[in-house]
Amino acid sequence: MEIRDAQEIILKFERARRWDLFKESQIFTHLIEEVSEIGRIILQREGYKFKGLGHEIKENDVSREFAQAFALFLQLANRMNVDLEEAFRREIEIMEKRFDADKWKRYMESEHAKA
């Protein structure tokens, strides 16, 4: 599936339920909530939050959290008339020029980056 296709799917889904009446601020806030769920799962995996030591942990399917965040991100992009596929292509071209791969590889493998 192309990103453009995903944007069209979410647009149809949203319109069928009249979710197109929600404000951009509401969609954005919901997106942040879903991204925070991903963050909670990362904290669990890394042992920062541990069940039985003051944290109640819901067992979650992290792929669902990513999918929910992605759907909301698509909704927001649609509202703001952003063609994500084209925007992503342009941004990767800029990033390829801006962040030299060899320089970054050397930096990341250096002791300086490990500090």
N, C-alpha and C. Protein backbone atom coordinates (compact mmCIF):
# COMPACT_ATOMS: atom_id res chain seq x y z
N MET A 1 0.84 -1.18 0.00
CA MET A 1 0.00 0.00 0.00
C MET A 1 0.89 1.25 0.00
N GLU A 2 0.53 2.20 -0.78
CA GLU A 2 1.22 3.48 -0.82
C GLU A 2 0.68 4.37 0.30
N ILE A 3 1.47 5.32 0.73
CA ILE A 3 1.04 6.24 1.78
C ILE A 3 -0.21 7.00 1.33
N ARG A 4 -0.22 7.39 0.07
CA ARG A 4 -1.37 8.11 -0.48
C ARG A 4 -2.65 7.27 -0.35
N ASP A 5 -2.52 5.97 -0.57
CA ASP A 5 -3.67 5.06 -0.43
C ASP A 5 -4.16 5.04 1.02
N ALA A 6 -3.23 5.00 1.95
CA ALA A 6 -3.59 4.99 3.38
C ALA A 6 -4.31 6.28 3.74
N GLN A 7 -3.86 7.40 3.20
CA GLN A 7 -4.53 8.67 3.47
C GLN A 7 -5.96 8.65 2.95
N GLU A 8 -6.16 8.07 1.77
CA GLU A 8 -7.50 8.00 1.18
C GLU A 8 -8.41 7.07 2.00
N ILE A 9 -7.87 5.95 2.46
CA ILE A 9 -8.65 5.02 3.29
C ILE A 9 -9.12 5.69 4.57
N ILE A 10 -8.20 6.39 5.24
CA ILE A 10 -8.57 7.02 6.51
C ILE A 10 -9.54 8.17 6.27
N LEU A 11 -9.43 8.86 5.15
CA LEU A 11 -10.34 9.94 4.83
C LEU A 11 -11.77 9.40 4.65
N LYS A 12 -11.92 8.32 3.91
CA LYS A 12 -13.23 7.71 3.72
C LYS A 12 -13.80 7.20 5.05
N PHE A 13 -12.96 6.56 5.84
CA PHE A 13 -13.37 6.04 7.16
C PHE A 13 -13.87 7.18 8.04
N GLU A 14 -13.10 8.26 8.06
CA GLU A 14 -13.41 9.42 8.89
C GLU A 14 -14.73 10.07 8.44
N ARG A 15 -14.89 10.27 7.15
CA ARG A 15 -16.10 10.91 6.63
C ARG A 15 -17.35 10.05 6.88
N ALA A 16 -17.23 8.74 6.77
CA ALA A 16 -18.36 7.85 6.98
C ALA A 16 -18.90 7.95 8.39
N ARG A 17 -18.07 8.34 9.33
CA ARG A 17 -18.46 8.44 10.74
C ARG A 17 -18.64 9.89 11.19
N ARG A 18 -18.47 10.81 10.25
CA ARG A 18 -18.55 12.26 10.51
C ARG A 18 -17.46 12.72 11.48
N TRP A 19 -16.38 11.95 11.55
CA TRP A 19 -15.25 12.38 12.38
C TRP A 19 -14.56 13.59 11.77
N ASP A 20 -14.92 13.93 10.54
CA ASP A 20 -14.36 15.12 9.92
C ASP A 20 -14.85 16.39 10.63
N LEU A 21 -15.79 16.24 11.57
CA LEU A 21 -16.25 17.37 12.36
C LEU A 21 -15.35 17.66 13.56
N PHE A 22 -14.48 16.72 13.92
CA PHE A 22 -13.55 16.97 15.02
C PHE A 22 -12.55 18.05 14.62
N LYS A 23 -12.11 18.81 15.60
CA LYS A 23 -11.12 19.87 15.37
C LYS A 23 -9.73 19.26 15.25
N GLU A 24 -8.85 19.98 14.55
CA GLU A 24 -7.46 19.53 14.40
C GLU A 24 -6.79 19.39 15.77
N SER A 25 -7.10 20.29 16.69
CA SER A 25 -6.50 20.23 18.03
C SER A 25 -6.89 18.94 18.75
N GLN A 26 -8.12 18.46 18.52
CA GLN A 26 -8.56 17.22 19.14
C GLN A 26 -7.82 16.02 18.55
N ILE A 27 -7.68 16.01 17.26
CA ILE A 27 -6.95 14.91 16.60
C ILE A 27 -5.49 14.91 17.06
N PHE A 28 -4.89 16.09 17.11
CA PHE A 28 -3.49 16.20 17.54
C PHE A 28 -3.32 15.70 18.97
N THR A 29 -4.21 16.09 19.85
CA THR A 29 -4.12 15.66 21.25
C THR A 29 -4.29 14.15 21.36
N HIS A 30 -5.20 13.59 20.58
CA HIS A 30 -5.40 12.14 20.58
C HIS A 30 -4.14 11.44 20.05
N LEU A 31 -3.51 12.02 19.02
CA LEU A 31 -2.26 11.48 18.49
C LEU A 31 -1.19 11.43 19.57
N ILE A 32 -1.04 12.51 20.32
CA ILE A 32 -0.04 12.56 21.39
C ILE A 32 -0.34 11.49 22.44
N GLU A 33 -1.61 11.28 22.74
CA GLU A 33 -2.00 10.25 23.69
C GLU A 33 -1.54 8.87 23.21
N GLU A 34 -1.75 8.57 21.93
CA GLU A 34 -1.36 7.27 21.39
C GLU A 34 0.16 7.12 21.34
N VAL A 35 0.87 8.18 21.00
CA VAL A 35 2.34 8.13 21.00
C VAL A 35 2.84 7.91 22.42
N SER A 36 2.16 8.50 23.39
CA SER A 36 2.52 8.28 24.80
C SER A 36 2.34 6.83 25.21
N GLU A 37 1.33 6.16 24.66
CA GLU A 37 1.14 4.73 24.93
C GLU A 37 2.34 3.93 24.42
N ILE A 38 2.85 4.31 23.27
CA ILE A 38 4.05 3.64 22.74
C ILE A 38 5.22 3.88 23.70
N GLY A 39 5.33 5.12 24.19
CA GLY A 39 6.38 5.44 25.15
C GLY A 39 6.28 4.62 26.43
N ARG A 40 5.04 4.41 26.89
CA ARG A 40 4.84 3.59 28.09
C ARG A 40 5.33 2.17 27.87
N ILE A 41 5.05 1.63 26.70
CA ILE A 41 5.49 0.26 26.38
C ILE A 41 7.01 0.19 26.32
N ILE A 42 7.64 1.22 25.75
CA ILE A 42 9.11 1.26 25.71
C ILE A 42 9.67 1.28 27.13
N LEU A 43 9.10 2.10 28.00
CA LEU A 43 9.56 2.16 29.39
C LEU A 43 9.42 0.81 30.08
N GLN A 44 8.34 0.09 29.79
CA GLN A 44 8.16 -1.25 30.34
C GLN A 44 9.25 -2.20 29.84
N ARG A 45 9.46 -2.18 28.53
CA ARG A 45 10.45 -3.10 27.94
C ARG A 45 11.85 -2.86 28.48
N GLU A 46 12.16 -1.59 28.76
CA GLU A 46 13.49 -1.26 29.25
C GLU A 46 13.60 -1.41 30.76
N GLY A 47 12.51 -1.78 31.42
CA GLY A 47 12.55 -2.02 32.86
C GLY A 47 12.42 -0.77 33.71
N TYR A 48 12.16 0.37 33.11
CA TYR A 48 12.00 1.60 33.87
C TYR A 48 10.70 1.56 34.66
N LYS A 49 9.67 1.03 34.05
CA LYS A 49 8.39 0.80 34.73
C LYS A 49 8.25 -0.70 34.89
N PHE A 50 8.00 -1.11 36.14
CA PHE A 50 7.96 -2.54 36.41
C PHE A 50 6.76 -2.87 37.27
N LYS A 51 5.97 -3.84 36.82
CA LYS A 51 4.78 -4.26 37.55
C LYS A 51 5.18 -4.76 38.94
N GLY A 52 4.45 -4.32 39.92
CA GLY A 52 4.73 -4.75 41.29
C GLY A 52 5.61 -3.77 42.05
N LEU A 53 6.16 -2.79 41.33
CA LEU A 53 6.98 -1.77 42.00
C LEU A 53 6.34 -0.40 41.83
N GLY A 54 5.02 -0.37 41.98
CA GLY A 54 4.31 0.89 41.92
C GLY A 54 3.70 1.21 40.57
N HIS A 55 3.90 0.36 39.59
CA HIS A 55 3.33 0.59 38.26
C HIS A 55 2.40 -0.56 37.90
N GLU A 56 1.18 -0.21 37.57
CA GLU A 56 0.26 -1.19 37.04
C GLU A 56 0.41 -1.16 35.53
N ILE A 57 0.70 -2.28 34.95
CA ILE A 57 1.00 -2.34 33.52
C ILE A 57 -0.06 -3.13 32.80
N LYS A 58 -0.69 -2.50 31.82
CA LYS A 58 -1.64 -3.20 30.97
C LYS A 58 -0.84 -3.94 29.89
N GLU A 59 -1.22 -5.14 29.63
CA GLU A 59 -0.59 -5.85 28.53
C GLU A 59 -1.19 -5.30 27.24
N ASN A 60 -0.36 -4.84 26.34
CA ASN A 60 -0.84 -4.22 25.11
C ASN A 60 -0.11 -4.79 23.91
N ASP A 61 -0.76 -4.67 22.79
CA ASP A 61 -0.17 -5.03 21.51
C ASP A 61 0.41 -3.75 20.93
N VAL A 62 1.73 -3.62 20.96
CA VAL A 62 2.38 -2.39 20.53
C VAL A 62 2.05 -2.06 19.06
N SER A 63 1.80 -3.07 18.25
CA SER A 63 1.47 -2.80 16.85
C SER A 63 0.15 -2.03 16.74
N ARG A 64 -0.79 -2.30 17.65
CA ARG A 64 -2.05 -1.55 17.65
C ARG A 64 -1.82 -0.09 18.00
N GLU A 65 -0.93 0.17 18.95
CA GLU A 65 -0.64 1.55 19.34
C GLU A 65 -0.02 2.31 18.16
N PHE A 66 0.90 1.66 17.45
CA PHE A 66 1.49 2.29 16.27
C PHE A 66 0.43 2.54 15.20
N ALA A 67 -0.44 1.57 14.99
CA ALA A 67 -1.48 1.72 13.98
C ALA A 67 -2.44 2.85 14.34
N GLN A 68 -2.80 2.96 15.62
CA GLN A 68 -3.68 4.04 16.05
C GLN A 68 -3.02 5.41 15.86
N ALA A 69 -1.75 5.50 16.24
CA ALA A 69 -1.02 6.76 16.06
C ALA A 69 -0.91 7.11 14.57
N PHE A 70 -0.62 6.11 13.74
CA PHE A 70 -0.50 6.32 12.30
C PHE A 70 -1.82 6.81 11.71
N ALA A 71 -2.93 6.20 12.11
CA ALA A 71 -4.24 6.61 11.61
C ALA A 71 -4.54 8.06 11.97
N LEU A 72 -4.24 8.43 13.19
CA LEU A 72 -4.47 9.81 13.62
C LEU A 72 -3.55 10.77 12.89
N PHE A 73 -2.31 10.35 12.65
CA PHE A 73 -1.36 11.18 11.91
C PHE A 73 -1.86 11.40 10.48
N LEU A 74 -2.39 10.34 9.87
CA LEU A 74 -2.97 10.47 8.53
C LEU A 74 -4.15 11.43 8.55
N GLN A 75 -5.02 11.31 9.55
CA GLN A 75 -6.17 12.21 9.66
C GLN A 75 -5.71 13.66 9.72
N LEU A 76 -4.72 13.92 10.55
CA LEU A 76 -4.23 15.28 10.72
C LEU A 76 -3.60 15.80 9.43
N ALA A 77 -2.84 14.95 8.75
CA ALA A 77 -2.24 15.35 7.47
C ALA A 77 -3.33 15.68 6.45
N ASN A 78 -4.38 14.87 6.41
CA ASN A 78 -5.49 15.14 5.49
C ASN A 78 -6.12 16.50 5.80
N ARG A 79 -6.34 16.78 7.07
CA ARG A 79 -6.95 18.04 7.46
C ARG A 79 -6.12 19.24 7.01
N MET A 80 -4.81 19.04 7.01
CA MET A 80 -3.91 20.14 6.69
C MET A 80 -3.46 20.11 5.23
N ASN A 81 -4.15 19.26 4.45
CA ASN A 81 -3.88 19.13 3.00
C ASN A 81 -2.42 18.82 2.69
N VAL A 82 -1.85 17.89 3.45
CA VAL A 82 -0.47 17.45 3.25
C VAL A 82 -0.48 16.10 2.55
N ASP A 83 0.14 16.03 1.40
CA ASP A 83 0.37 14.76 0.71
C ASP A 83 1.61 14.16 1.35
N LEU A 84 1.42 13.25 2.30
CA LEU A 84 2.53 12.71 3.06
C LEU A 84 3.55 11.98 2.20
N GLU A 85 3.08 11.30 1.18
CA GLU A 85 3.99 10.56 0.30
C GLU A 85 4.97 11.53 -0.36
N GLU A 86 4.46 12.59 -0.93
CA GLU A 86 5.31 13.58 -1.59
C GLU A 86 6.18 14.33 -0.58
N ALA A 87 5.59 14.70 0.55
CA ALA A 87 6.35 15.41 1.58
C ALA A 87 7.50 14.55 2.10
N PHE A 88 7.24 13.25 2.27
CA PHE A 88 8.28 12.34 2.75
C PHE A 88 9.41 12.21 1.73
N ARG A 89 9.06 12.07 0.47
CA ARG A 89 10.09 11.99 -0.58
C ARG A 89 10.97 13.23 -0.58
N ARG A 90 10.34 14.40 -0.51
CA ARG A 90 11.11 15.65 -0.50
C ARG A 90 12.01 15.73 0.73
N GLU A 91 11.46 15.34 1.89
CA GLU A 91 12.23 15.44 3.12
C GLU A 91 13.43 14.48 3.13
N ILE A 92 13.25 13.28 2.60
CA ILE A 92 14.38 12.34 2.53
C ILE A 92 15.49 12.90 1.64
N GLU A 93 15.13 13.53 0.54
CA GLU A 93 16.13 14.16 -0.33
C GLU A 93 16.91 15.23 0.43
N ILE A 94 16.22 16.04 1.20
CA ILE A 94 16.87 17.09 2.00
C ILE A 94 17.76 16.45 3.06
N MET A 95 17.26 15.43 3.73
CA MET A 95 18.03 14.78 4.79
C MET A 95 19.28 14.09 4.24
N GLU A 96 19.17 13.50 3.06
CA GLU A 96 20.35 12.85 2.44
C GLU A 96 21.48 13.85 2.24
N LYS A 97 21.15 15.06 1.86
CA LYS A 97 22.16 16.11 1.65
C LYS A 97 22.62 16.70 2.97
N ARG A 98 21.71 16.85 3.89
CA ARG A 98 22.00 17.52 5.16
C ARG A 98 22.83 16.66 6.11
N PHE A 99 22.54 15.37 6.17
CA PHE A 99 23.20 14.48 7.13
C PHE A 99 24.07 13.48 6.39
N ASP A 100 25.32 13.82 6.19
CA ASP A 100 26.27 12.97 5.47
C ASP A 100 26.40 11.61 6.17
N ALA A 101 26.15 10.55 5.42
CA ALA A 101 26.14 9.19 5.99
C ALA A 101 27.50 8.80 6.57
N ASP A 102 28.57 9.08 5.86
CA ASP A 102 29.90 8.69 6.34
C ASP A 102 30.27 9.44 7.62
N LYS A 103 29.99 10.72 7.66
CA LYS A 103 30.30 11.51 8.86
C LYS A 103 29.50 10.99 10.06
N TRP A 104 28.23 10.72 9.84
CA TRP A 104 27.40 10.23 10.94
C TRP A 104 27.82 8.84 11.39
N LYS A 105 28.19 8.00 10.44
CA LYS A 105 28.64 6.65 10.79
C LYS A 105 29.88 6.73 11.68
N ARG A 106 30.84 7.56 11.28
CA ARG A 106 32.06 7.72 12.07
C ARG A 106 31.74 8.26 13.46
N TYR A 107 30.85 9.25 13.51
CA TYR A 107 30.49 9.84 14.80
C TYR A 107 29.81 8.80 15.71
N MET A 108 28.87 8.06 15.18
CA MET A 108 28.14 7.10 15.99
C MET A 108 29.01 5.95 16.47
N GLU A 109 30.06 5.65 15.73
CA GLU A 109 30.97 4.58 16.12
C GLU A 109 32.10 5.09 17.02
N SER A 110 32.18 6.39 17.21
CA SER A 110 33.25 6.98 18.02
C SER A 110 32.92 6.90 19.50
N GLU A 111 33.90 7.09 20.33
CA GLU A 111 33.71 7.10 21.77
C GLU A 111 32.87 8.30 22.18
N HIS A 112 32.94 9.37 21.42
CA HIS A 112 32.20 10.59 21.72
C HIS A 112 30.69 10.32 21.76
N ALA A 113 30.20 9.53 20.83
CA ALA A 113 28.76 9.23 20.76
C ALA A 113 28.32 8.29 21.87
N LYS A 114 29.22 7.50 22.40
CA LYS A 114 28.88 6.51 23.42
C LYS A 114 28.79 7.10 24.81
N ALA A 115 29.20 8.35 24.94
CA ALA A 115 29.21 9.00 26.26
C ALA A 115 27.83 9.34 26.75
